[in-house]
C-alpha atoms as a PDB file:
ATOM      1  CA  MET A   1       8.185   5.746  12.379  1.00  0.00           C
ATOM      2  CA  ALA A   2       6.764   9.260  12.119  1.00  0.00           C
ATOM      3  CA  ILE A   3       4.358  10.090   9.329  1.00  0.00           C
ATOM      4  CA  SER A   4       6.869  12.392   7.629  1.00  0.00           C
ATOM      5  CA  GLN A   5       9.510   9.650   7.626  1.00  0.00           C
ATOM      6  CA  ARG A   6       7.132   7.196   6.008  1.00  0.00           C
ATOM      7  CA  PHE A   7       6.189   9.764   3.381  1.00  0.00           C
ATOM      8  CA  ARG A   8       9.882  10.085   2.589  1.00  0.00           C
ATOM      9  CA  PHE A   9      10.003   6.432   1.630  1.00  0.00           C
ATOM     10  CA  MET A  10       6.606   6.570  -0.072  1.00  0.00           C
ATOM     11  CA  TYR A  11       7.816   9.408  -2.241  1.00  0.00           C
ATOM     12  CA  ARG A  12      10.858   7.401  -3.288  1.00  0.00           C
ATOM     13  CA  VAL A  13       8.439   4.669  -4.328  1.00  0.00           C
ATOM     14  CA  LEU A  14       6.804   7.123  -6.737  1.00  0.00           C
ATOM     15  CA  LEU A  15      10.105   7.837  -8.405  1.00  0.00           C
ATOM     16  CA  CYS A  16      11.445   4.157  -8.352  1.00  0.00           C
ATOM     17  CA  LEU A  17       9.273   2.929  -7.490  1.00  0.00           C
ATOM     18  CA  SER A  18      12.775   4.605  -7.945  1.00  0.00           C
ATOM     19  CA  PHE A  19      13.723   5.548  -7.759  1.00  0.00           C
ATOM     20  CA  PHE A  20      20.596   6.955  -6.193  1.00  0.00           C
ATOM     21  CA  SER A  21      24.427   7.204  -5.638  1.00  0.00           C
ATOM     22  CA  LEU A  22      26.502   8.591  -8.465  1.00  0.00           C
ATOM     23  CA  PRO A  23      28.182   5.575 -10.100  1.00  0.00           C
ATOM     24  CA  SER A  24      30.877   6.082 -12.701  1.00  0.00           C
ATOM     25  CA  LEU A  25      29.976   2.851 -14.469  1.00  0.00           C
ATOM     26  CA  VAL A  26      27.510   0.015 -14.106  1.00  0.00           C
ATOM     27  CA  LEU A  27      29.760  -2.535 -12.471  1.00  0.00           C
ATOM     28  CA  ALA A  28      30.155  -6.171 -13.463  1.00  0.00           C
ATOM     29  CA  GLU A  29      28.723  -7.289 -10.139  1.00  0.00           C
ATOM     30  CA  ASP A  30      25.535  -5.271 -10.594  1.00  0.00           C
ATOM     31  CA  LYS A  31      22.499  -7.537 -10.563  1.00  0.00           C
ATOM     32  CA  PRO A  32      19.297  -5.483 -10.863  1.00  0.00           C
ATOM     33  CA  LEU A  33      16.231  -7.667 -10.452  1.00  0.00           C
ATOM     34  CA  LEU A  34      15.556  -9.825 -13.516  1.00  0.00           C
ATOM     35  CA  TYR A  35      13.151 -12.758 -13.741  1.00  0.00           C
ATOM     36  CA  LYS A  36      12.079 -15.191 -16.427  1.00  0.00           C
ATOM     37  CA  ILE A  37       8.365 -15.926 -16.476  1.00  0.00           C
ATOM     38  CA  ASN A  38       6.762 -18.883 -18.196  1.00  0.00           C
ATOM     39  CA  ILE A  39       2.991 -19.110 -18.563  1.00  0.00           C
ATOM     40  CA  LYS A  40       1.587 -22.015 -20.576  1.00  0.00           C
ATOM     41  CA  GLY A  41       4.764 -22.254 -22.623  1.00  0.00           C
ATOM     42  CA  LYS A  42       5.059 -18.501 -23.253  1.00  0.00           C
ATOM     43  CA  THR A  43       8.018 -16.511 -21.958  1.00  0.00           C
ATOM     44  CA  ALA A  44       8.577 -12.999 -20.643  1.00  0.00           C
ATOM     45  CA  TYR A  45      11.530 -11.359 -18.900  1.00  0.00           C
ATOM     46  CA  LEU A  46      10.530  -9.142 -15.976  1.00  0.00           C
ATOM     47  CA  PHE A  47      13.010  -6.369 -15.160  1.00  0.00           C
ATOM     48  CA  GLY A  48      12.914  -3.905 -12.255  1.00  0.00           C
ATOM     49  CA  SER A  49      13.798  -0.365 -13.273  1.00  0.00           C
ATOM     50  CA  ILE A  50      14.463   3.022 -11.811  1.00  0.00           C
ATOM     51  CA  HIS A  51      12.994   5.967 -13.666  1.00  0.00           C
ATOM     52  CA  ILE A  52      15.919   8.367 -13.266  1.00  0.00           C
ATOM     53  CA  GLY A  53      19.519   7.739 -14.238  1.00  0.00           C
ATOM     54  CA  GLN A  54      22.632   8.986 -15.992  1.00  0.00           C
ATOM     55  CA  ALA A  55      24.608   8.045 -19.093  1.00  0.00           C
ATOM     56  CA  ASP A  56      27.096   5.930 -17.160  1.00  0.00           C
ATOM     57  CA  PHE A  57      24.356   3.479 -16.192  1.00  0.00           C
ATOM     58  CA  TYR A  58      24.755   2.012 -19.675  1.00  0.00           C
ATOM     59  CA  PRO A  59      25.262  -0.495 -21.029  1.00  0.00           C
ATOM     60  CA  LEU A  60      23.202  -2.458 -18.544  1.00  0.00           C
ATOM     61  CA  PRO A  61      24.643  -5.750 -17.214  1.00  0.00           C
ATOM     62  CA  ALA A  62      25.229  -8.332 -19.942  1.00  0.00           C
ATOM     63  CA  ARG A  63      22.544 -10.719 -18.730  1.00  0.00           C
ATOM     64  CA  VAL A  64      19.945  -7.958 -18.931  1.00  0.00           C
ATOM     65  CA  THR A  65      21.029  -6.801 -22.387  1.00  0.00           C
ATOM     66  CA  ARG A  66      20.998 -10.397 -23.667  1.00  0.00           C
ATOM     67  CA  ALA A  67      17.431 -10.910 -22.460  1.00  0.00           C
ATOM     68  CA  PHE A  68      16.378  -7.604 -23.990  1.00  0.00           C
ATOM     69  CA  SER A  69      18.097  -8.278 -27.310  1.00  0.00           C
ATOM     70  CA  ARG A  70      16.341 -11.611 -27.751  1.00  0.00           C
ATOM     71  CA  SER A  71      12.896 -10.248 -26.904  1.00  0.00           C
ATOM     72  CA  SER A  72      10.216  -9.783 -29.551  1.00  0.00           C
ATOM     73  CA  GLY A  73       8.651  -6.736 -27.909  1.00  0.00           C
ATOM     74  CA  LEU A  74       8.905  -4.324 -24.987  1.00  0.00           C
ATOM     75  CA  VAL A  75       6.268  -3.916 -22.279  1.00  0.00           C
ATOM     76  CA  ILE A  76       6.276  -0.811 -20.070  1.00  0.00           C
ATOM     77  CA  GLU A  77       3.995   0.613 -17.406  1.00  0.00           C
ATOM     78  CA  ALA A  78       2.508   3.330 -19.639  1.00  0.00           C
ATOM     79  CA  LYS A  79       3.272   4.570 -23.130  1.00  0.00           C
ATOM     80  CA  PRO A  80       4.515   8.168 -23.365  1.00  0.00           C
ATOM     81  CA  ASP A  81       2.513  10.632 -25.444  1.00  0.00           C
ATOM     82  CA  ASN A  82       3.700  14.212 -25.122  1.00  0.00           C
ATOM     83  CA  GLU A  83       0.615  15.773 -26.703  1.00  0.00           C
ATOM     84  CA  GLN A  84      -1.703  13.713 -24.520  1.00  0.00           C
ATOM     85  CA  MET A  85       0.437  14.431 -21.462  1.00  0.00           C
ATOM     86  CA  VAL A  86      -0.098  18.179 -21.804  1.00  0.00           C
ATOM     87  CA  ARG A  87      -3.854  17.624 -21.732  1.00  0.00           C
ATOM     88  CA  LEU A  88      -3.683  15.162 -18.851  1.00  0.00           C
ATOM     89  CA  LEU A  89      -1.474  17.401 -16.727  1.00  0.00           C
ATOM     90  CA  GLN A  90      -3.898  20.236 -17.310  1.00  0.00           C
ATOM     91  CA  LYS A  91      -6.732  17.962 -16.195  1.00  0.00           C
ATOM     92  CA  TYR A  92      -5.113  16.267 -13.189  1.00  0.00           C
ATOM     93  CA  GLY A  93      -2.171  18.474 -12.274  1.00  0.00           C
ATOM     94  CA  ARG A  94      -3.826  21.856 -11.833  1.00  0.00           C
ATOM     95  CA  MET A  95      -6.620  21.111  -9.413  1.00  0.00           C
ATOM     96  CA  PRO A  96      -7.152  24.113  -7.111  1.00  0.00           C
ATOM     97  CA  TYR A  97      -6.165  23.696  -3.488  1.00  0.00           C
ATOM     98  CA  LYS A  98      -5.435  25.820  -0.454  1.00  0.00           C
ATOM     99  CA  MET A  99      -1.965  25.264   0.932  1.00  0.00           C
ATOM    100  CA  ASP A 100      -1.848  24.834   4.715  1.00  0.00           C
ATOM    101  CA  LYS A 101       0.325  27.218   6.726  1.00  0.00           C
ATOM    102  CA  ARG A 102       3.095  24.707   7.415  1.00  0.00           C
ATOM    103  CA  THR A 103       3.456  23.710   3.769  1.00  0.00           C
ATOM    104  CA  ALA A 104       3.140  27.305   2.596  1.00  0.00           C
ATOM    105  CA  LEU A 105       5.967  28.428   4.886  1.00  0.00           C
ATOM    106  CA  LEU A 106       8.225  25.588   3.755  1.00  0.00           C
ATOM    107  CA  PHE A 107       7.437  26.251   0.105  1.00  0.00           C
ATOM    108  CA  THR A 108       8.148  29.964   0.528  1.00  0.00           C
ATOM    109  CA  GLN A 109      11.492  29.235   2.165  1.00  0.00           C
ATOM    110  CA  TYR A 110      12.420  26.756  -0.566  1.00  0.00           C
ATOM    111  CA  CYS A 111      11.484  29.241  -3.299  1.00  0.00           C
ATOM    112  CA  GLN A 112      13.485  32.115  -1.837  1.00  0.00           C
ATOM    113  CA  TYR A 113      16.360  31.524  -4.254  1.00  0.00           C
ATOM    114  CA  ARG A 114      14.357  29.673  -6.919  1.00  0.00           C
ATOM    115  CA  GLU A 115      11.801  32.276  -7.931  1.00  0.00           C
ATOM    116  CA  ASP A 116      11.677  31.442 -11.637  1.00  0.00           C
ATOM    117  CA  PHE A 117      11.285  27.718 -11.056  1.00  0.00           C
ATOM    118  CA  CYS A 118       8.647  28.157  -8.349  1.00  0.00           C
ATOM    119  CA  ALA A 119       6.674  30.596 -10.480  1.00  0.00           C
ATOM    120  CA  LYS A 120       6.380  27.908 -13.144  1.00  0.00           C
ATOM    121  CA  ILE A 121       5.003  25.316 -10.727  1.00  0.00           C
ATOM    122  CA  SER A 122       2.935  27.615  -8.502  1.00  0.00           C
ATOM    123  CA  SER A 123      -0.343  26.684 -10.197  1.00  0.00           C
ATOM    124  CA  PHE A 124       0.299  22.931 -10.024  1.00  0.00           C
ATOM    125  CA  SER A 125      -1.381  20.535  -7.628  1.00  0.00           C
ATOM    126  CA  PRO A 126       0.893  19.616  -4.705  1.00  0.00           C
ATOM    127  CA  TRP A 127       1.576  16.086  -5.994  1.00  0.00           C
ATOM    128  CA  LEU A 128       2.872  17.559  -9.255  1.00  0.00           C
ATOM    129  CA  GLN A 129       4.843  20.253  -7.461  1.00  0.00           C
ATOM    130  CA  ALA A 130       6.453  17.499  -5.403  1.00  0.00           C
ATOM    131  CA  LEU A 131       7.443  15.537  -8.504  1.00  0.00           C
ATOM    132  CA  GLN A 132       8.852  18.621 -10.223  1.00  0.00           C
ATOM    133  CA  ILE A 133      10.912  19.591  -7.175  1.00  0.00           C
ATOM    134  CA  SER A 134      12.314  16.098  -6.819  1.00  0.00           C
ATOM    135  CA  LEU A 135      13.145  15.895 -10.520  1.00  0.00           C
ATOM    136  CA  MET A 136      15.012  19.184 -10.249  1.00  0.00           C
ATOM    137  CA  ARG A 137      16.861  17.996  -7.146  1.00  0.00           C
ATOM    138  CA  TYR A 138      17.850  14.717  -8.793  1.00  0.00           C
ATOM    139  CA  GLY A 139      18.981  16.699 -11.821  1.00  0.00           C
ATOM    140  CA  ALA A 140      21.316  18.686  -9.578  1.00  0.00           C
ATOM    141  CA  LEU A 141      22.781  15.357  -8.477  1.00  0.00           C
ATOM    142  CA  GLY A 142      23.384  14.327 -12.083  1.00  0.00           C
ATOM    143  CA  LEU A 143      20.341  12.064 -12.461  1.00  0.00           C
ATOM    144  CA  THR A 144      17.607  12.783 -15.002  1.00  0.00           C
ATOM    145  CA  SER A 145      14.560  11.084 -16.476  1.00  0.00           C
ATOM    146  CA  GLN A 146      16.327  11.225 -19.846  1.00  0.00           C
ATOM    147  CA  PHE A 147      18.492   8.320 -18.678  1.00  0.00           C
ATOM    148  CA  GLY A 148      15.758   6.438 -16.856  1.00  0.00           C
ATOM    149  CA  ILE A 149      15.874   2.713 -17.610  1.00  0.00           C
ATOM    150  CA  ASP A 150      12.488   2.546 -19.315  1.00  0.00           C
ATOM    151  CA  VAL A 151      13.186   5.659 -21.425  1.00  0.00           C
ATOM    152  CA  VAL A 152      16.504   4.296 -22.698  1.00  0.00           C
ATOM    153  CA  LEU A 153      15.081   0.846 -23.430  1.00  0.00           C
ATOM    154  CA  MET A 154      12.225   2.384 -25.409  1.00  0.00           C
ATOM    155  CA  LYS A 155      14.794   4.135 -27.594  1.00  0.00           C
ATOM    156  CA  GLN A 156      16.723   0.889 -28.000  1.00  0.00           C
ATOM    157  CA  ASN A 157      13.590  -1.103 -28.803  1.00  0.00           C
ATOM    158  CA  GLY A 158      13.704  -0.063 -32.443  1.00  0.00           C
ATOM    159  CA  GLN A 159      10.812  -1.276 -34.580  1.00  0.00           C
ATOM    160  CA  ARG A 160       9.721  -3.971 -32.161  1.00  0.00           C
ATOM    161  CA  PRO A 161       6.196  -3.650 -30.724  1.00  0.00           C
ATOM    162  CA  LEU A 162       5.653  -1.572 -27.581  1.00  0.00           C
ATOM    163  CA  TYR A 163       2.921  -2.543 -25.110  1.00  0.00           C
ATOM    164  CA  GLU A 164       1.653  -0.956 -21.889  1.00  0.00           C
ATOM    165  CA  LEU A 165       0.258  -2.398 -18.664  1.00  0.00           C
ATOM    166  CA  GLU A 166      -1.454   0.794 -17.537  1.00  0.00           C
ATOM    167  CA  SER A 167      -2.128   4.181 -19.086  1.00  0.00           C
ATOM    168  CA  ALA A 168      -0.686   7.597 -18.342  1.00  0.00           C
ATOM    169  CA  GLU A 169      -4.155   8.828 -17.453  1.00  0.00           C
ATOM    170  CA  GLU A 170      -4.650   6.047 -14.916  1.00  0.00           C
ATOM    171  CA  GLN A 171      -1.367   6.924 -13.234  1.00  0.00           C
ATOM    172  CA  LEU A 172      -2.044  10.674 -13.100  1.00  0.00           C
ATOM    173  CA  ALA A 173      -5.623  10.193 -11.959  1.00  0.00           C
ATOM    174  CA  LEU A 174      -4.363   8.035  -9.096  1.00  0.00           C
ATOM    175  CA  LEU A 175      -1.941  10.685  -7.879  1.00  0.00           C
ATOM    176  CA  ALA A 176      -4.554  13.410  -8.204  1.00  0.00           C
ATOM    177  CA  SER A 177      -7.061  11.352  -6.196  1.00  0.00           C
ATOM    178  CA  PHE A 178      -5.150  11.599  -2.927  1.00  0.00           C
ATOM    179  CA  SER A 179      -6.355  14.082  -0.355  1.00  0.00           C
ATOM    180  CA  THR A 180      -4.835  17.549  -0.059  1.00  0.00           C
ATOM    181  CA  ASP A 181      -3.306  16.522   3.275  1.00  0.00           C
ATOM    182  CA  ILE A 182      -1.516  13.580   1.715  1.00  0.00           C
ATOM    183  CA  GLN A 183      -0.380  15.609  -1.290  1.00  0.00           C
ATOM    184  CA  SER A 184       0.898  18.319   1.050  1.00  0.00           C
ATOM    185  CA  GLU A 185       2.973  15.723   2.894  1.00  0.00           C
ATOM    186  CA  MET A 186       4.407  14.640  -0.447  1.00  0.00           C
ATOM    187  CA  LEU A 187       5.349  18.235  -1.209  1.00  0.00           C
ATOM    188  CA  GLN A 188       6.958  18.700   2.205  1.00  0.00           C
ATOM    189  CA  GLU A 189       9.034  15.557   1.821  1.00  0.00           C
ATOM    190  CA  SER A 190      10.186  16.501  -1.679  1.00  0.00           C
ATOM    191  CA  ILE A 191      11.769  19.552  -0.060  1.00  0.00           C
ATOM    192  CA  ASN A 192      12.883  18.104   3.277  1.00  0.00           C
ATOM    193  CA  THR A 193      14.390  14.770   2.225  1.00  0.00           C
ATOM    194  CA  SER A 194      18.196  14.872   2.310  1.00  0.00           C
ATOM    195  CA  ASP A 195      20.370  14.175  -0.714  1.00  0.00           C
ATOM    196  CA  GLU A 196      21.718  11.128   1.101  1.00  0.00           C
ATOM    197  CA  ASP A 197      18.242   9.706   1.512  1.00  0.00           C
ATOM    198  CA  MET A 198      17.419  10.488  -2.114  1.00  0.00           C
ATOM    199  CA  LEU A 199      20.475   8.553  -3.281  1.00  0.00           C
ATOM    200  CA  GLN A 200      20.036   5.525  -1.047  1.00  0.00           C
ATOM    201  CA  LEU A 201      17.847   3.284  -3.170  1.00  0.00           C
ATOM    202  CA  VAL A 202      20.045   3.005  -6.247  1.00  0.00           C
ATOM    203  CA  ASP A 203      22.618   0.842  -4.484  1.00  0.00           C
ATOM    204  CA  ALA A 204      19.943  -1.683  -3.577  1.00  0.00           C
ATOM    205  CA  TRP A 205      18.663  -1.581  -7.162  1.00  0.00           C
ATOM    206  CA  ARG A 206      22.106  -2.121  -8.646  1.00  0.00           C
ATOM    207  CA  GLU A 207      22.865  -5.029  -6.346  1.00  0.00           C
ATOM    208  CA  GLY A 208      19.439  -6.608  -6.710  1.00  0.00           C
ATOM    209  CA  ASN A 209      19.381  -6.551  -2.908  1.00  0.00           C
ATOM    210  CA  GLN A 210      15.834  -7.701  -2.318  1.00  0.00           C
ATOM    211  CA  SER A 211      15.989  -7.576   1.456  1.00  0.00           C
ATOM    212  CA  GLN A 212      17.191  -3.983   1.310  1.00  0.00           C
ATOM    213  CA  LEU A 213      14.569  -3.066  -1.267  1.00  0.00           C
ATOM    214  CA  VAL A 214      11.865  -4.649   0.853  1.00  0.00           C
ATOM    215  CA  ARG A 215      13.124  -2.795   3.896  1.00  0.00           C
ATOM    216  CA  LEU A 216      13.110   0.534   2.099  1.00  0.00           C
ATOM    217  CA  ILE A 217       9.912   0.176   0.139  1.00  0.00           C
ATOM    218  CA  GLU A 218       7.684  -2.168   2.119  1.00  0.00           C
ATOM    219  CA  SER A 219       8.840  -2.243   5.720  1.00  0.00           C
ATOM    220  CA  GLN A 220       9.428   1.478   6.031  1.00  0.00           C
ATOM    221  CA  LEU A 221       6.059   2.208   4.478  1.00  0.00           C
ATOM    222  CA  MET A 222       3.953  -0.386   6.214  1.00  0.00           C
ATOM    223  CA  THR A 223       5.317  -2.582   8.959  1.00  0.00           C
ATOM    224  CA  SER A 224       7.695  -0.041  10.493  1.00  0.00           C
ATOM    225  CA  VAL A 225       4.732   1.513  12.283  1.00  0.00           C
ATOM    226  CA  ASN A 226       3.401  -1.150  14.606  1.00  0.00           C
ATOM    227  CA  ARG A 227      -0.287  -1.779  15.101  1.00  0.00           C
ATOM    228  CA  ALA A 228      -0.303  -0.259  18.564  1.00  0.00           C
ATOM    229  CA  GLN A 229       1.040   3.019  17.184  1.00  0.00           C
ATOM    230  CA  ILE A 230      -1.507   3.015  14.394  1.00  0.00           C
ATOM    231  CA  ASP A 231      -4.383   2.182  16.704  1.00  0.00           C
ATOM    232  CA  GLY A 232      -3.239   4.791  19.190  1.00  0.00           C
ATOM    233  CA  ALA A 233      -3.084   7.451  16.508  1.00  0.00           C
ATOM    234  CA  ILE A 234      -6.532   6.501  15.228  1.00  0.00           C
ATOM    235  CA  GLN A 235      -7.981   6.672  18.739  1.00  0.00           C
ATOM    236  CA  LYS A 236      -6.645  10.222  18.920  1.00  0.00           C
ATOM    237  CA  GLY A 237      -8.453  11.059  15.718  1.00  0.00           C
ATOM    238  CA  ASN A 238      -5.434  10.876  13.450  1.00  0.00           C
ATOM    239  CA  GLU A 239      -7.075   9.250  10.443  1.00  0.00           C
ATOM    240  CA  LYS A 240      -4.084  10.302   8.305  1.00  0.00           C
ATOM    241  CA  VAL A 241      -2.207   7.229   9.548  1.00  0.00           C
ATOM    242  CA  ARG A 242      -4.926   4.928   8.300  1.00  0.00           C
ATOM    243  CA  LYS A 243      -5.016   6.735   4.984  1.00  0.00           C
ATOM    244  CA  ILE A 244      -1.264   6.354   4.559  1.00  0.00           C
ATOM    245  CA  GLU A 245      -1.268   2.636   5.244  1.00  0.00           C
ATOM    246  CA  ASP A 246      -4.545   1.606   3.675  1.00  0.00           C
ATOM    247  CA  SER A 247      -4.818   4.027   0.781  1.00  0.00           C
ATOM    248  CA  LEU A 248      -1.320   4.931  -0.352  1.00  0.00           C
ATOM    249  CA  ILE A 249       0.335   1.545  -0.164  1.00  0.00           C
ATOM    250  CA  GLU A 250      -2.627  -0.449  -1.350  1.00  0.00           C
ATOM    251  CA  ARG A 251      -3.324   1.841  -4.273  1.00  0.00           C
ATOM    252  CA  LEU A 252       0.216   2.781  -5.258  1.00  0.00           C
ATOM    253  CA  LEU A 253       1.615  -0.730  -5.140  1.00  0.00           C
ATOM    254  CA  TRP A 254      -0.504  -3.758  -4.376  1.00  0.00           C
ATOM    255  CA  GLN A 255      -3.569  -3.025  -6.511  1.00  0.00           C
ATOM    256  CA  ARG A 256      -1.363  -1.980  -9.399  1.00  0.00           C
ATOM    257  CA  ASN A 257       0.707  -5.160  -9.042  1.00  0.00           C
ATOM    258  CA  GLN A 258      -2.471  -7.173  -9.532  1.00  0.00           C
ATOM    259  CA  THR A 259      -3.364  -5.127 -12.595  1.00  0.00           C
ATOM    260  CA  MET A 260       0.099  -5.462 -14.102  1.00  0.00           C
ATOM    261  CA  ALA A 261       0.231  -9.210 -13.470  1.00  0.00           C
ATOM    262  CA  LEU A 262      -3.110  -9.572 -15.215  1.00  0.00           C
ATOM    263  CA  GLY A 263      -1.804  -7.495 -18.112  1.00  0.00           C
ATOM    264  CA  ILE A 264       1.277  -9.684 -18.484  1.00  0.00           C
ATOM    265  CA  GLU A 265      -0.879 -12.802 -18.413  1.00  0.00           C
ATOM    266  CA  ARG A 266      -3.181 -11.394 -21.097  1.00  0.00           C
ATOM    267  CA  LEU A 267      -0.278 -10.513 -23.351  1.00  0.00           C
ATOM    268  CA  LEU A 268       1.197 -13.990 -23.033  1.00  0.00           C
ATOM    269  CA  ASN A 269      -2.199 -15.546 -23.715  1.00  0.00           C
ATOM    270  CA  ASN A 270      -1.930 -14.006 -27.185  1.00  0.00           C
ATOM    271  CA  GLN A 271      -0.712 -16.820 -29.391  1.00  0.00           C
ATOM    272  CA  GLU A 272       1.344 -14.413 -31.495  1.00  0.00           C
ATOM    273  CA  LEU A 273       3.354 -13.013 -28.566  1.00  0.00           C
ATOM    274  CA  ASP A 274       6.348 -14.592 -26.855  1.00  0.00           C
ATOM    275  CA  ASP A 275       9.719 -13.569 -25.390  1.00  0.00           C
ATOM    276  CA  LEU A 276       8.487 -10.195 -24.172  1.00  0.00           C
ATOM    277  CA  PHE A 277      10.720  -7.902 -22.102  1.00  0.00           C
ATOM    278  CA  VAL A 278       8.671  -6.290 -19.316  1.00  0.00           C
ATOM    279  CA  VAL A 279      10.040  -3.198 -17.526  1.00  0.00           C
ATOM    280  CA  VAL A 280       8.373  -1.919 -14.350  1.00  0.00           C
ATOM    281  CA  GLY A 281       9.507   0.132 -11.374  1.00  0.00           C
ATOM    282  CA  VAL A 282      11.572  -2.045  -9.048  1.00  0.00           C
ATOM    283  CA  GLY A 283       9.135  -1.349  -6.207  1.00  0.00           C
ATOM    284  CA  HIS A 284       6.629  -3.590  -7.971  1.00  0.00           C
ATOM    285  CA  LEU A 285       8.981  -6.595  -7.745  1.00  0.00           C
ATOM    286  CA  VAL A 286       9.564  -6.787  -3.999  1.00  0.00           C
ATOM    287  CA  GLY A 287       7.510  -8.004  -1.072  1.00  0.00           C
ATOM    288  CA  ASP A 288       4.941 -10.744  -0.681  1.00  0.00           C
ATOM    289  CA  LYS A 289       2.450  -8.909  -2.928  1.00  0.00           C
ATOM    290  CA  SER A 290       4.862  -8.364  -5.811  1.00  0.00           C
ATOM    291  CA  ILE A 291       4.015  -8.904  -9.465  1.00  0.00           C
ATOM    292  CA  GLN A 292       5.836 -12.240  -9.315  1.00  0.00           C
ATOM    293  CA  SER A 293       3.656 -13.327  -6.385  1.00  0.00           C
ATOM    294  CA  GLU A 294       0.549 -12.433  -8.340  1.00  0.00           C
ATOM    295  CA  LEU A 295       1.791 -14.338 -11.387  1.00  0.00           C
ATOM    296  CA  LEU A 296       2.530 -17.411  -9.280  1.00  0.00           C
ATOM    297  CA  LYS A 297      -1.147 -17.439  -8.298  1.00  0.00           C
ATOM    298  CA  LYS A 298      -1.946 -17.669 -11.992  1.00  0.00           C
ATOM    299  CA  GLY A 299       0.216 -20.749 -12.410  1.00  0.00           C
ATOM    300  CA  ALA A 300       3.319 -19.094 -13.792  1.00  0.00           C
ATOM    301  CA  HIS A 301       6.754 -20.627 -13.423  1.00  0.00           C
ATOM    302  CA  ILE A 302       9.304 -17.978 -12.415  1.00  0.00           C
ATOM    303  CA  ASN A 303      13.108 -18.105 -12.304  1.00  0.00           C
ATOM    304  CA  ASN A 304      15.458 -15.540 -10.797  1.00  0.00           C
ATOM    305  CA  CYS A 305      17.910 -14.909 -13.624  1.00  0.00           C
ATOM    306  CA  TRP A 306      20.770 -14.192 -11.227  1.00  0.00           C
ATOM    307  CA  GLN A 307      20.372 -17.510  -9.444  1.00  0.00           C
ATOM    308  CA  GLN A 308      20.409 -19.462 -12.700  1.00  0.00           C
ATOM    309  CA  ASP A 309      21.089 -18.644 -16.338  1.00  0.00           C
ATOM    310  CA  CYS A 310      17.675 -17.867 -17.809  1.00  0.00           C
ATOM    311  CA  LEU A 311      19.071 -17.553 -21.310  1.00  0.00           C
ATOM    312  CA  SER A 312      20.875 -20.863 -21.682  1.00  0.00           C
ATOM    313  CA  ASP A 313      18.039 -22.574 -23.513  1.00  0.00           C
END
């Protein structure tokens, strides 16, 4: 698969790691990924989310809402802090860069009828421009971060404790650490990706279709380019291919899965904590290096809550 095609799927990972068709209601047959984790007698429910949605996504399927209602606390990837976010975006989202000719031309064409919007994001780093463009495009399709799964569950969490597995600064610093070339590809794909492609992942999320999720998130990003193609590109001096495979995927997904699994284990090692509801982007729950795989290495017992009733006990 061409580099631009793989960036298309990589960019969806950033939003879904989400990150959509336009459903009128969450249907009874919807089965978004939900697992029950047991570590040394302690329990957590692990739920795969998408970070953009709409009002009609709710209520979530009954099995999910039951697990959430019985939980003693909510665990998310990173706690929101609007005041801190302004500072962090200033620090990581406004790094100076020189836009290459190809990206500059595409950006100019895109901004032809969006002058006000583009003026607001013109000083942003390309990774942040890409996110802003995609958020605006999803908004035009009726999907906003306001109705993202994690955002809604935080509002519904009430007075229960809220924990995080990462920090907002860690996430922004990671995105800002990628080369200008890689960030430029992200910006190009935020503009070029079709609405159909942007909406594709939600069906797999709703159905809990792991094979489809793996195909979209893992195969298209990693194994869809065979070793001969990668080696051939590297021999021609195209180190971008190696960066995409080794840096993006490893750092965006696999290393973070290890960190999140360790965070879940640490929380459950706290004698005062039990029955936690953990919400992470669905991209972290698929593939052979998923959070569940990492937890299994730590001796956890894991049940798929759609294959058996995890709440019967």
